[in-house]
Amino acid sequence: MLLETRAPAESAPLRRAELPDPRPASGELLLRVEACAVCRTDLQLAEGDIELRKSPVVPGHQAVGIVEAAGEGVEGWRPGDRAGVAWLAGTCGRCEFCLSGRENLCLEARFTGWDRDGGFAESLTVRAEFALRLPEGLEAAAAAPLLCGGVIGYRALERSGVRPGGRLGLFGYGASAHLALQVARHWGCETYVFTRSAKEQARALATGAAWAGGYNDLPGVELDAAVTFAPAGEVVVAALKAVGRGGVVAVNAIHLDRIPEFPYELLWWERELRSVANFTRRDAHEFLRLAAEIPVRTEVQTFGLEEANEALRALKAGSLTGTAVLVP
């Protein structure tokens, strides 16, 4: 499913196309795609909120596939192995960021479904050193949402600085926040969920949230940390209002509209705003191990590959039950 021209999801911006079968270059794996989850970043690319870096491009960066072939020099992978493909597709490996464990900030980083073709397809290639081992026993459709929503949610929790037993706020309650809540519960955090949707409030409470309400509601306690998942600047201000002295608000968004003006008093007392940018392979490995240990449960709604535009529309409309997953 190709993205050539950015357009509203309602106008079906993805086009079905038959392309030559990809071949793995040196150091790459060729995967037969079993499932690929749909992310809000895919929607933002399709609609133009995020500039294209390759056109046409096959979107999709939460893919699960079976290794069919390996390029020259690949070690540790065999045909028949299952692998995950996530947002981070490659880095230079030699800059100050890569050498200090911050490869997510590499200036030469490349991303799946943005710089190179992704998983909205029957096959794709991935650099072997960036392919991910997946927990045993998970079906492909259940594993796919872990590869972005799960991993980036985990990094956002780390960036928030929340400690086991702390009071955590999650602002916006989509697929990523649903997975983050399960990790926070495992850490013993008291978690408060803020969302406009009464349906999502109920789902959060059923998943173990201590409280759920609207963005501008206050739960009666000050939070130690918060993560914002909703791509709206006003939600960041709402999170600042909810955290106490020394609290951190981690903004989990690749695109955000303008943060409105707010009084300095909301930032005073050493409150902090931190952005969350991509993730490292270490984040992915840590989260996938933790996901198997907890175990983290995903909720999915499957679509055929040719129904990718329908999945984008449902994501935009907020009508999904769980994460949209394309199954070729």
C-alpha atoms as a PDB file:
ATOM      1  CA  MET A   1       0.000   0.000   0.000  1.00  0.00           C
ATOM      2  CA  LEU A   2       1.851   3.048  -1.335  1.00  0.00           C
ATOM      3  CA  LEU A   3       1.721   6.637  -0.109  1.00  0.00           C
ATOM      4  CA  GLU A   4       2.503   8.981  -3.004  1.00  0.00           C
ATOM      5  CA  THR A   5       0.468  12.109  -2.271  1.00  0.00           C
ATOM      6  CA  ARG A   6      -0.510  13.278   1.191  1.00  0.00           C
ATOM      7  CA  ALA A   7      -4.249  13.709   1.664  1.00  0.00           C
ATOM      8  CA  PRO A   8      -6.939  13.398   4.360  1.00  0.00           C
ATOM      9  CA  ALA A   9      -7.599   9.843   5.477  1.00  0.00           C
ATOM     10  CA  GLU A  10     -11.175  10.157   4.240  1.00  0.00           C
ATOM     11  CA  SER A  11      -9.887  10.432   0.647  1.00  0.00           C
ATOM     12  CA  ALA A  12      -7.924   7.142   0.777  1.00  0.00           C
ATOM     13  CA  PRO A  13      -4.331   8.405   0.405  1.00  0.00           C
ATOM     14  CA  LEU A  14      -2.825   4.896   0.112  1.00  0.00           C
ATOM     15  CA  ARG A  15      -2.787   3.149  -3.262  1.00  0.00           C
ATOM     16  CA  ARG A  16      -2.610  -0.598  -3.806  1.00  0.00           C
ATOM     17  CA  ALA A  17       0.371  -1.458  -6.004  1.00  0.00           C
ATOM     18  CA  GLU A  18       2.280  -4.497  -7.235  1.00  0.00           C
ATOM     19  CA  LEU A  19       6.027  -3.988  -6.761  1.00  0.00           C
ATOM     20  CA  PRO A  20       8.999  -6.260  -7.518  1.00  0.00           C
ATOM     21  CA  ASP A  21       9.843  -8.589  -4.650  1.00  0.00           C
ATOM     22  CA  PRO A  22      12.491  -6.942  -2.443  1.00  0.00           C
ATOM     23  CA  ARG A  23      15.914  -8.547  -2.126  1.00  0.00           C
ATOM     24  CA  PRO A  24      18.020  -8.388   1.041  1.00  0.00           C
ATOM     25  CA  ALA A  25      21.220  -6.395   0.638  1.00  0.00           C
ATOM     26  CA  SER A  26      24.358  -7.207   2.574  1.00  0.00           C
ATOM     27  CA  GLY A  27      23.536  -7.258   6.277  1.00  0.00           C
ATOM     28  CA  GLU A  28      19.767  -7.376   5.695  1.00  0.00           C
ATOM     29  CA  LEU A  29      16.922  -9.831   6.226  1.00  0.00           C
ATOM     30  CA  LEU A  30      13.993 -10.440   3.906  1.00  0.00           C
ATOM     31  CA  LEU A  31      10.761 -10.972   5.832  1.00  0.00           C
ATOM     32  CA  ARG A  32       7.376 -12.270   4.785  1.00  0.00           C
ATOM     33  CA  VAL A  33       5.004  -9.985   6.681  1.00  0.00           C
ATOM     34  CA  GLU A  34       2.519 -11.701   8.965  1.00  0.00           C
ATOM     35  CA  ALA A  35       1.049  -8.538  10.512  1.00  0.00           C
ATOM     36  CA  CYS A  36       1.717  -4.810  10.745  1.00  0.00           C
ATOM     37  CA  ALA A  37       0.099  -2.537  13.314  1.00  0.00           C
ATOM     38  CA  VAL A  38      -1.086   0.939  12.325  1.00  0.00           C
ATOM     39  CA  CYS A  39       0.323   3.893  14.275  1.00  0.00           C
ATOM     40  CA  ARG A  40      -0.837   7.495  14.568  1.00  0.00           C
ATOM     41  CA  THR A  41       2.482   8.429  12.954  1.00  0.00           C
ATOM     42  CA  ASP A  42       1.317   6.582   9.817  1.00  0.00           C
ATOM     43  CA  LEU A  43      -1.813   8.740   9.841  1.00  0.00           C
ATOM     44  CA  GLN A  44       0.209  11.927  10.351  1.00  0.00           C
ATOM     45  CA  LEU A  45       2.482  11.022   7.432  1.00  0.00           C
ATOM     46  CA  ALA A  46      -0.474  10.244   5.193  1.00  0.00           C
ATOM     47  CA  GLU A  47      -2.228  13.496   6.017  1.00  0.00           C
ATOM     48  CA  GLY A  48       0.846  15.730   5.833  1.00  0.00           C
ATOM     49  CA  ASP A  49       1.355  16.626   9.493  1.00  0.00           C
ATOM     50  CA  ILE A  50       4.827  15.094   9.061  1.00  0.00           C
ATOM     51  CA  GLU A  51       6.864  15.779   5.925  1.00  0.00           C
ATOM     52  CA  LEU A  52       7.628  12.816   3.667  1.00  0.00           C
ATOM     53  CA  ARG A  53      11.292  11.869   3.362  1.00  0.00           C
ATOM     54  CA  LYS A  54      10.734   9.290   0.610  1.00  0.00           C
ATOM     55  CA  SER A  55       8.062   9.309  -2.055  1.00  0.00           C
ATOM     56  CA  PRO A  56       6.448   7.026  -2.873  1.00  0.00           C
ATOM     57  CA  VAL A  57       6.856   5.123   0.385  1.00  0.00           C
ATOM     58  CA  VAL A  58       5.294   2.033   1.917  1.00  0.00           C
ATOM     59  CA  PRO A  59       4.277   3.081   5.464  1.00  0.00           C
ATOM     60  CA  GLY A  60       4.191   0.856   8.531  1.00  0.00           C
ATOM     61  CA  HIS A  61       6.737   0.437  11.317  1.00  0.00           C
ATOM     62  CA  GLN A  62       5.238  -2.214  13.607  1.00  0.00           C
ATOM     63  CA  ALA A  63       5.738  -5.301  11.472  1.00  0.00           C
ATOM     64  CA  VAL A  64       6.069  -8.949  12.426  1.00  0.00           C
ATOM     65  CA  GLY A  65       7.432 -11.313   9.820  1.00  0.00           C
ATOM     66  CA  ILE A  66       9.105 -14.625   9.053  1.00  0.00           C
ATOM     67  CA  VAL A  67      12.687 -14.613   7.789  1.00  0.00           C
ATOM     68  CA  GLU A  68      12.758 -15.899   4.203  1.00  0.00           C
ATOM     69  CA  ALA A  69      16.333 -15.010   3.265  1.00  0.00           C
ATOM     70  CA  ALA A  70      19.413 -13.287   4.625  1.00  0.00           C
ATOM     71  CA  GLY A  71      21.924 -11.110   2.845  1.00  0.00           C
ATOM     72  CA  GLU A  72      25.668 -11.550   2.897  1.00  0.00           C
ATOM     73  CA  GLY A  73      27.302 -11.271   6.312  1.00  0.00           C
ATOM     74  CA  VAL A  74      24.181 -11.845   8.418  1.00  0.00           C
ATOM     75  CA  GLU A  75      24.704 -13.953  11.535  1.00  0.00           C
ATOM     76  CA  GLY A  76      22.278 -15.149  14.199  1.00  0.00           C
ATOM     77  CA  TRP A  77      19.173 -15.326  11.978  1.00  0.00           C
ATOM     78  CA  ARG A  78      17.876 -18.312  10.019  1.00  0.00           C
ATOM     79  CA  PRO A  79      15.015 -18.797   7.552  1.00  0.00           C
ATOM     80  CA  GLY A  80      11.863 -19.516   9.535  1.00  0.00           C
ATOM     81  CA  ASP A  81      12.779 -17.250  12.462  1.00  0.00           C
ATOM     82  CA  ARG A  82      10.192 -14.669  13.482  1.00  0.00           C
ATOM     83  CA  ALA A  83      11.399 -11.063  13.669  1.00  0.00           C
ATOM     84  CA  GLY A  84       9.980  -7.684  14.552  1.00  0.00           C
ATOM     85  CA  VAL A  85      10.583  -4.487  12.584  1.00  0.00           C
ATOM     86  CA  ALA A  86      10.160  -1.208  14.427  1.00  0.00           C
ATOM     87  CA  TRP A  87      10.497   2.552  13.813  1.00  0.00           C
ATOM     88  CA  LEU A  88      14.280   2.749  14.185  1.00  0.00           C
ATOM     89  CA  ALA A  89      15.662   1.307  10.946  1.00  0.00           C
ATOM     90  CA  GLY A  90      19.318   2.274  11.198  1.00  0.00           C
ATOM     91  CA  THR A  91      21.917   4.625  12.688  1.00  0.00           C
ATOM     92  CA  CYS A  92      25.500   5.566  11.848  1.00  0.00           C
ATOM     93  CA  GLY A  93      26.928   3.770  14.912  1.00  0.00           C
ATOM     94  CA  ARG A  94      29.875   6.162  15.231  1.00  0.00           C
ATOM     95  CA  CYS A  95      28.587   9.588  16.311  1.00  0.00           C
ATOM     96  CA  GLU A  96      28.598  10.953  19.869  1.00  0.00           C
ATOM     97  CA  PHE A  97      24.969   9.948  20.317  1.00  0.00           C
ATOM     98  CA  CYS A  98      25.415   6.373  19.101  1.00  0.00           C
ATOM     99  CA  LEU A  99      28.555   5.904  21.174  1.00  0.00           C
ATOM    100  CA  SER A 100      26.891   7.196  24.348  1.00  0.00           C
ATOM    101  CA  GLY A 101      23.789   4.986  24.235  1.00  0.00           C
ATOM    102  CA  ARG A 102      21.580   7.669  22.660  1.00  0.00           C
ATOM    103  CA  GLU A 103      21.234   6.306  19.140  1.00  0.00           C
ATOM    104  CA  ASN A 104      17.675   7.638  19.038  1.00  0.00           C
ATOM    105  CA  LEU A 105      19.240  11.104  18.570  1.00  0.00           C
ATOM    106  CA  CYS A 106      21.637  10.107  15.759  1.00  0.00           C
ATOM    107  CA  LEU A 107      21.639  12.724  12.991  1.00  0.00           C
ATOM    108  CA  GLU A 108      21.894   9.965  10.383  1.00  0.00           C
ATOM    109  CA  ALA A 109      19.151   7.779  11.882  1.00  0.00           C
ATOM    110  CA  ARG A 110      16.761   6.250   9.375  1.00  0.00           C
ATOM    111  CA  PHE A 111      13.218   5.150  10.096  1.00  0.00           C
ATOM    112  CA  THR A 112      10.947   2.395   8.840  1.00  0.00           C
ATOM    113  CA  GLY A 113       8.007   3.596   6.779  1.00  0.00           C
ATOM    114  CA  TRP A 114       9.565   7.061   6.491  1.00  0.00           C
ATOM    115  CA  ASP A 115      13.084   6.678   5.046  1.00  0.00           C
ATOM    116  CA  ARG A 116      12.709   3.100   3.854  1.00  0.00           C
ATOM    117  CA  ASP A 117       9.696   1.020   2.900  1.00  0.00           C
ATOM    118  CA  GLY A 118       7.758  -0.442   5.788  1.00  0.00           C
ATOM    119  CA  GLY A 119       5.292  -3.149   6.654  1.00  0.00           C
ATOM    120  CA  PHE A 120       2.099  -2.186   4.796  1.00  0.00           C
ATOM    121  CA  ALA A 121       3.132  -4.891   2.328  1.00  0.00           C
ATOM    122  CA  GLU A 122       3.531  -8.627   1.871  1.00  0.00           C
ATOM    123  CA  SER A 123       7.340  -8.462   2.199  1.00  0.00           C
ATOM    124  CA  LEU A 124       9.990  -6.059   3.475  1.00  0.00           C
ATOM    125  CA  THR A 125      13.682  -5.914   4.220  1.00  0.00           C
ATOM    126  CA  VAL A 126      15.308  -4.843   7.481  1.00  0.00           C
ATOM    127  CA  ARG A 127      18.891  -4.371   8.631  1.00  0.00           C
ATOM    128  CA  ALA A 128      19.566  -7.533  10.617  1.00  0.00           C
ATOM    129  CA  GLU A 129      21.129  -5.658  13.534  1.00  0.00           C
ATOM    130  CA  PHE A 130      17.890  -3.663  13.922  1.00  0.00           C
ATOM    131  CA  ALA A 131      15.522  -6.646  13.699  1.00  0.00           C
ATOM    132  CA  LEU A 132      13.995  -7.581  17.049  1.00  0.00           C
ATOM    133  CA  ARG A 133      13.508 -10.932  18.741  1.00  0.00           C
ATOM    134  CA  LEU A 134       9.908 -11.365  19.895  1.00  0.00           C
ATOM    135  CA  PRO A 135       8.444 -13.059  22.979  1.00  0.00           C
ATOM    136  CA  GLU A 136       7.569 -16.709  22.440  1.00  0.00           C
ATOM    137  CA  GLY A 137       3.941 -17.718  22.146  1.00  0.00           C
ATOM    138  CA  LEU A 138       2.525 -14.398  20.921  1.00  0.00           C
ATOM    139  CA  GLU A 139       0.490 -14.408  17.733  1.00  0.00           C
ATOM    140  CA  ALA A 140       1.792 -11.997  15.101  1.00  0.00           C
ATOM    141  CA  ALA A 141      -1.210  -9.652  15.346  1.00  0.00           C
ATOM    142  CA  ALA A 142      -0.836  -9.452  19.129  1.00  0.00           C
ATOM    143  CA  ALA A 143       2.922  -8.840  18.934  1.00  0.00           C
ATOM    144  CA  ALA A 144       2.814  -6.064  16.309  1.00  0.00           C
ATOM    145  CA  PRO A 145       1.481  -3.265  18.593  1.00  0.00           C
ATOM    146  CA  LEU A 146       4.350  -3.861  21.014  1.00  0.00           C
ATOM    147  CA  LEU A 147       6.868  -2.670  18.421  1.00  0.00           C
ATOM    148  CA  CYS A 148       6.026   1.036  18.537  1.00  0.00           C
ATOM    149  CA  GLY A 149       3.189   1.820  20.916  1.00  0.00           C
ATOM    150  CA  GLY A 150       4.688  -0.505  23.505  1.00  0.00           C
ATOM    151  CA  VAL A 151       8.342   0.441  23.103  1.00  0.00           C
ATOM    152  CA  ILE A 152       7.812   4.207  22.845  1.00  0.00           C
ATOM    153  CA  GLY A 153       5.389   4.086  25.777  1.00  0.00           C
ATOM    154  CA  TYR A 154       8.076   2.328  27.811  1.00  0.00           C
ATOM    155  CA  ARG A 155      10.658   4.981  26.887  1.00  0.00           C
ATOM    156  CA  ALA A 156       8.148   7.709  27.798  1.00  0.00           C
ATOM    157  CA  LEU A 157       7.717   6.165  31.251  1.00  0.00           C
ATOM    158  CA  GLU A 158      11.493   6.130  31.656  1.00  0.00           C
ATOM    159  CA  ARG A 159      11.719   9.766  30.513  1.00  0.00           C
ATOM    160  CA  SER A 160       9.029  10.776  33.013  1.00  0.00           C
ATOM    161  CA  GLY A 161      11.240   9.558  35.847  1.00  0.00           C
ATOM    162  CA  VAL A 162       8.329   7.873  37.601  1.00  0.00           C
ATOM    163  CA  ARG A 163       9.475   5.498  40.310  1.00  0.00           C
ATOM    164  CA  PRO A 164       7.877   2.273  41.507  1.00  0.00           C
ATOM    165  CA  GLY A 165       4.948   3.204  43.725  1.00  0.00           C
ATOM    166  CA  GLY A 166       4.763   6.757  42.369  1.00  0.00           C
ATOM    167  CA  ARG A 167       1.694   8.632  41.171  1.00  0.00           C
ATOM    168  CA  LEU A 168       1.609   8.705  37.380  1.00  0.00           C
ATOM    169  CA  GLY A 169      -0.713  10.506  34.985  1.00  0.00           C
ATOM    170  CA  LEU A 170      -1.408   9.284  31.444  1.00  0.00           C
ATOM    171  CA  PHE A 171      -2.959  11.988  29.249  1.00  0.00           C
ATOM    172  CA  GLY A 172      -4.703  10.441  26.264  1.00  0.00           C
ATOM    173  CA  TYR A 173      -5.614   6.770  26.308  1.00  0.00           C
ATOM    174  CA  GLY A 174      -4.960   5.065  23.015  1.00  0.00           C
ATOM    175  CA  ALA A 175      -3.001   1.937  22.211  1.00  0.00           C
ATOM    176  CA  SER A 176       0.341   3.175  23.574  1.00  0.00           C
ATOM    177  CA  ALA A 177      -1.088   4.439  26.859  1.00  0.00           C
ATOM    178  CA  HIS A 178      -2.979   1.162  27.329  1.00  0.00           C
ATOM    179  CA  LEU A 179       0.321  -0.728  27.158  1.00  0.00           C
ATOM    180  CA  ALA A 180       2.122   1.832  29.343  1.00  0.00           C
ATOM    181  CA  LEU A 181      -0.553   1.451  32.032  1.00  0.00           C
ATOM    182  CA  GLN A 182       0.181  -2.266  32.253  1.00  0.00           C
ATOM    183  CA  VAL A 183       3.896  -1.567  32.768  1.00  0.00           C
ATOM    184  CA  ALA A 184       3.140   1.105  35.371  1.00  0.00           C
ATOM    185  CA  ARG A 185       0.887  -1.301  37.277  1.00  0.00           C
ATOM    186  CA  HIS A 186       3.671  -3.893  37.213  1.00  0.00           C
ATOM    187  CA  TRP A 187       5.946  -1.277  38.816  1.00  0.00           C
ATOM    188  CA  GLY A 188       3.352  -0.639  41.522  1.00  0.00           C
ATOM    189  CA  CYS A 189       2.515   2.872  40.324  1.00  0.00           C
ATOM    190  CA  GLU A 190      -0.782   4.533  41.185  1.00  0.00           C
ATOM    191  CA  THR A 191      -1.952   5.545  37.719  1.00  0.00           C
ATOM    192  CA  TYR A 192      -4.428   8.264  36.774  1.00  0.00           C
ATOM    193  CA  VAL A 193      -5.826   8.416  33.237  1.00  0.00           C
ATOM    194  CA  PHE A 194      -7.066  11.575  31.532  1.00  0.00           C
ATOM    195  CA  THR A 195      -9.134  11.292  28.358  1.00  0.00           C
ATOM    196  CA  ARG A 196     -12.284  12.860  26.911  1.00  0.00           C
ATOM    197  CA  SER A 197     -13.689   9.465  25.943  1.00  0.00           C
ATOM    198  CA  ALA A 198     -16.017   7.891  28.505  1.00  0.00           C
ATOM    199  CA  LYS A 199     -15.409   4.559  26.754  1.00  0.00           C
ATOM    200  CA  GLU A 200     -11.643   4.876  27.211  1.00  0.00           C
ATOM    201  CA  GLN A 201     -12.066   6.007  30.815  1.00  0.00           C
ATOM    202  CA  ALA A 202     -13.970   2.794  31.491  1.00  0.00           C
ATOM    203  CA  ARG A 203     -11.339   0.729  29.672  1.00  0.00           C
ATOM    204  CA  ALA A 204      -8.569   2.347  31.737  1.00  0.00           C
ATOM    205  CA  LEU A 205     -10.344   1.576  34.997  1.00  0.00           C
ATOM    206  CA  ALA A 206     -10.884  -2.011  33.871  1.00  0.00           C
ATOM    207  CA  THR A 207      -7.143  -2.268  33.146  1.00  0.00           C
ATOM    208  CA  GLY A 208      -6.245  -1.118  36.649  1.00  0.00           C
ATOM    209  CA  ALA A 209      -6.150   2.691  36.656  1.00  0.00           C
ATOM    210  CA  ALA A 210      -6.747   4.212  40.109  1.00  0.00           C
ATOM    211  CA  TRP A 211      -8.836   7.015  38.590  1.00  0.00           C
ATOM    212  CA  ALA A 212     -10.026   8.204  35.177  1.00  0.00           C
ATOM    213  CA  GLY A 213     -11.455  11.548  34.097  1.00  0.00           C
ATOM    214  CA  GLY A 214     -11.280  14.349  31.536  1.00  0.00           C
ATOM    215  CA  TYR A 215      -8.214  16.378  30.618  1.00  0.00           C
ATOM    216  CA  ASN A 216      -9.171  19.290  32.827  1.00  0.00           C
ATOM    217  CA  ASP A 217     -10.392  17.244  35.764  1.00  0.00           C
ATOM    218  CA  LEU A 218      -8.144  16.965  38.803  1.00  0.00           C
ATOM    219  CA  PRO A 219      -7.997  13.667  40.683  1.00  0.00           C
ATOM    220  CA  GLY A 220      -7.553  15.211  44.138  1.00  0.00           C
ATOM    221  CA  VAL A 221      -3.864  14.262  44.459  1.00  0.00           C
ATOM    222  CA  GLU A 222      -0.733  15.755  42.954  1.00  0.00           C
ATOM    223  CA  LEU A 223       1.095  13.564  40.446  1.00  0.00           C
ATOM    224  CA  ASP A 224       4.796  12.760  40.583  1.00  0.00           C
ATOM    225  CA  ALA A 225       5.039  12.414  36.803  1.00  0.00           C
ATOM    226  CA  ALA A 226       2.909  12.439  33.690  1.00  0.00           C
ATOM    227  CA  VAL A 227       3.118  11.291  30.078  1.00  0.00           C
ATOM    228  CA  THR A 228       1.080  12.983  27.353  1.00  0.00           C
ATOM    229  CA  PHE A 229       0.025  10.804  24.433  1.00  0.00           C
ATOM    230  CA  ALA A 230      -2.594  13.094  22.859  1.00  0.00           C
ATOM    231  CA  PRO A 231      -1.034  15.167  20.021  1.00  0.00           C
ATOM    232  CA  ALA A 232      -2.427  18.455  21.355  1.00  0.00           C
ATOM    233  CA  GLY A 233      -0.473  21.218  23.061  1.00  0.00           C
ATOM    234  CA  GLU A 234      -3.313  22.091  25.418  1.00  0.00           C
ATOM    235  CA  VAL A 235      -3.004  18.607  26.926  1.00  0.00           C
ATOM    236  CA  VAL A 236       0.610  19.361  27.872  1.00  0.00           C
ATOM    237  CA  VAL A 237      -0.609  22.371  29.871  1.00  0.00           C
ATOM    238  CA  ALA A 238      -3.270  20.219  31.547  1.00  0.00           C
ATOM    239  CA  ALA A 239      -0.548  17.756  32.573  1.00  0.00           C
ATOM    240  CA  LEU A 240       1.567  20.551  34.079  1.00  0.00           C
ATOM    241  CA  LYS A 241      -1.421  21.579  36.174  1.00  0.00           C
ATOM    242  CA  ALA A 242      -1.711  18.046  37.548  1.00  0.00           C
ATOM    243  CA  VAL A 243       1.911  17.387  38.573  1.00  0.00           C
ATOM    244  CA  GLY A 244       3.304  18.562  41.884  1.00  0.00           C
ATOM    245  CA  ARG A 245       6.601  20.230  42.748  1.00  0.00           C
ATOM    246  CA  GLY A 246       9.542  18.595  41.002  1.00  0.00           C
ATOM    247  CA  GLY A 247       7.162  16.697  38.711  1.00  0.00           C
ATOM    248  CA  VAL A 248       8.071  15.788  35.134  1.00  0.00           C
ATOM    249  CA  VAL A 249       5.806  15.870  32.073  1.00  0.00           C
ATOM    250  CA  ALA A 250       7.122  13.681  29.235  1.00  0.00           C
ATOM    251  CA  VAL A 251       5.610  14.624  25.866  1.00  0.00           C
ATOM    252  CA  ASN A 252       5.264  11.481  23.769  1.00  0.00           C
ATOM    253  CA  ALA A 253       4.651  12.885  20.285  1.00  0.00           C
ATOM    254  CA  ILE A 254       6.494  13.164  16.981  1.00  0.00           C
ATOM    255  CA  HIS A 255       4.116  15.967  15.960  1.00  0.00           C
ATOM    256  CA  LEU A 256       2.346  18.406  18.256  1.00  0.00           C
ATOM    257  CA  ASP A 257       0.294  21.481  17.526  1.00  0.00           C
ATOM    258  CA  ARG A 258       1.209  24.744  19.222  1.00  0.00           C
ATOM    259  CA  ILE A 259       1.467  24.662  23.019  1.00  0.00           C
ATOM    260  CA  PRO A 260      -0.710  27.569  24.196  1.00  0.00           C
ATOM    261  CA  GLU A 261       0.668  30.292  26.437  1.00  0.00           C
ATOM    262  CA  PHE A 262       0.558  29.380  30.112  1.00  0.00           C
ATOM    263  CA  PRO A 263       1.613  31.119  33.342  1.00  0.00           C
ATOM    264  CA  TYR A 264       5.144  30.479  34.558  1.00  0.00           C
ATOM    265  CA  GLU A 265       3.718  29.307  37.904  1.00  0.00           C
ATOM    266  CA  LEU A 266       2.793  26.001  36.207  1.00  0.00           C
ATOM    267  CA  LEU A 267       6.469  25.368  35.495  1.00  0.00           C
ATOM    268  CA  TRP A 268       7.914  26.831  38.663  1.00  0.00           C
ATOM    269  CA  TRP A 269       8.939  24.680  41.634  1.00  0.00           C
ATOM    270  CA  GLU A 270      11.257  22.776  39.334  1.00  0.00           C
ATOM    271  CA  ARG A 271       8.616  21.097  37.242  1.00  0.00           C
ATOM    272  CA  GLU A 272      10.069  19.867  33.942  1.00  0.00           C
ATOM    273  CA  LEU A 273       8.928  19.348  30.357  1.00  0.00           C
ATOM    274  CA  ARG A 274      10.732  16.618  28.402  1.00  0.00           C
ATOM    275  CA  SER A 275      10.199  15.411  24.864  1.00  0.00           C
ATOM    276  CA  VAL A 276      10.335  11.754  23.885  1.00  0.00           C
ATOM    277  CA  ALA A 277      12.194  11.220  20.608  1.00  0.00           C
ATOM    278  CA  ASN A 278      12.162   7.776  19.022  1.00  0.00           C
ATOM    279  CA  PHE A 279      13.748   4.951  21.028  1.00  0.00           C
ATOM    280  CA  THR A 280      16.916   2.897  21.200  1.00  0.00           C
ATOM    281  CA  ARG A 281      17.362  -0.801  20.554  1.00  0.00           C
ATOM    282  CA  ARG A 282      18.110  -1.164  24.248  1.00  0.00           C
ATOM    283  CA  ASP A 283      14.645   0.271  25.015  1.00  0.00           C
ATOM    284  CA  ALA A 284      13.094  -2.244  22.623  1.00  0.00           C
ATOM    285  CA  HIS A 285      14.947  -5.248  24.065  1.00  0.00           C
ATOM    286  CA  GLU A 286      14.160  -4.215  27.662  1.00  0.00           C
ATOM    287  CA  PHE A 287      10.487  -3.652  26.931  1.00  0.00           C
ATOM    288  CA  LEU A 288      10.005  -6.893  25.001  1.00  0.00           C
ATOM    289  CA  ARG A 289      11.550  -8.867  27.869  1.00  0.00           C
ATOM    290  CA  LEU A 290       9.317  -7.026  30.329  1.00  0.00           C
ATOM    291  CA  ALA A 291       6.257  -7.532  28.131  1.00  0.00           C
ATOM    292  CA  ALA A 292       6.795 -11.275  28.270  1.00  0.00           C
ATOM    293  CA  GLU A 293       7.369 -11.189  32.029  1.00  0.00           C
ATOM    294  CA  ILE A 294       4.224  -9.199  32.971  1.00  0.00           C
ATOM    295  CA  PRO A 295       2.741 -10.375  30.470  1.00  0.00           C
ATOM    296  CA  VAL A 296       1.472  -7.321  28.562  1.00  0.00           C
ATOM    297  CA  ARG A 297      -1.831  -7.870  26.764  1.00  0.00           C
ATOM    298  CA  THR A 298      -2.707  -6.137  23.499  1.00  0.00           C
ATOM    299  CA  GLU A 299      -6.155  -5.500  22.081  1.00  0.00           C
ATOM    300  CA  VAL A 300      -6.334  -5.519  18.298  1.00  0.00           C
ATOM    301  CA  GLN A 301      -8.779  -5.000  15.471  1.00  0.00           C
ATOM    302  CA  THR A 302      -7.585  -6.687  12.291  1.00  0.00           C
ATOM    303  CA  PHE A 303      -7.927  -5.447   8.713  1.00  0.00           C
ATOM    304  CA  GLY A 304      -6.827  -6.923   5.412  1.00  0.00           C
ATOM    305  CA  LEU A 305      -3.795  -5.284   3.829  1.00  0.00           C
ATOM    306  CA  GLU A 306      -5.998  -3.768   1.134  1.00  0.00           C
ATOM    307  CA  GLU A 307      -8.115  -2.189   3.902  1.00  0.00           C
ATOM    308  CA  ALA A 308      -5.253   0.049   5.098  1.00  0.00           C
ATOM    309  CA  ASN A 309      -7.146   3.237   4.194  1.00  0.00           C
ATOM    310  CA  GLU A 310     -10.132   2.031   6.202  1.00  0.00           C
ATOM    311  CA  ALA A 311      -7.834   1.413   9.173  1.00  0.00           C
ATOM    312  CA  LEU A 312      -6.432   4.965   8.914  1.00  0.00           C
ATOM    313  CA  ARG A 313      -9.958   6.403   8.819  1.00  0.00           C
ATOM    314  CA  ALA A 314     -10.980   4.387  11.873  1.00  0.00           C
ATOM    315  CA  LEU A 315      -7.864   5.532  13.749  1.00  0.00           C
ATOM    316  CA  LYS A 316      -8.604   9.153  12.924  1.00  0.00           C
ATOM    317  CA  ALA A 317     -12.241   8.811  13.946  1.00  0.00           C
ATOM    318  CA  GLY A 318     -11.370   7.120  17.235  1.00  0.00           C
ATOM    319  CA  SER A 319     -13.669   4.226  16.418  1.00  0.00           C
ATOM    320  CA  LEU A 320     -11.161   1.401  16.808  1.00  0.00           C
ATOM    321  CA  THR A 321     -11.422  -1.350  19.355  1.00  0.00           C
ATOM    322  CA  GLY A 322      -7.758  -1.665  20.301  1.00  0.00           C
ATOM    323  CA  THR A 323      -4.933  -1.252  17.790  1.00  0.00           C
ATOM    324  CA  ALA A 324      -5.563  -1.569  14.062  1.00  0.00           C
ATOM    325  CA  VAL A 325      -3.442  -4.389  12.617  1.00  0.00           C
ATOM    326  CA  LEU A 326      -3.091  -5.161   8.906  1.00  0.00           C
ATOM    327  CA  VAL A 327      -2.865  -8.836   8.049  1.00  0.00           C
ATOM    328  CA  PRO A 328      -1.792  -9.651   4.457  1.00  0.00           C
END
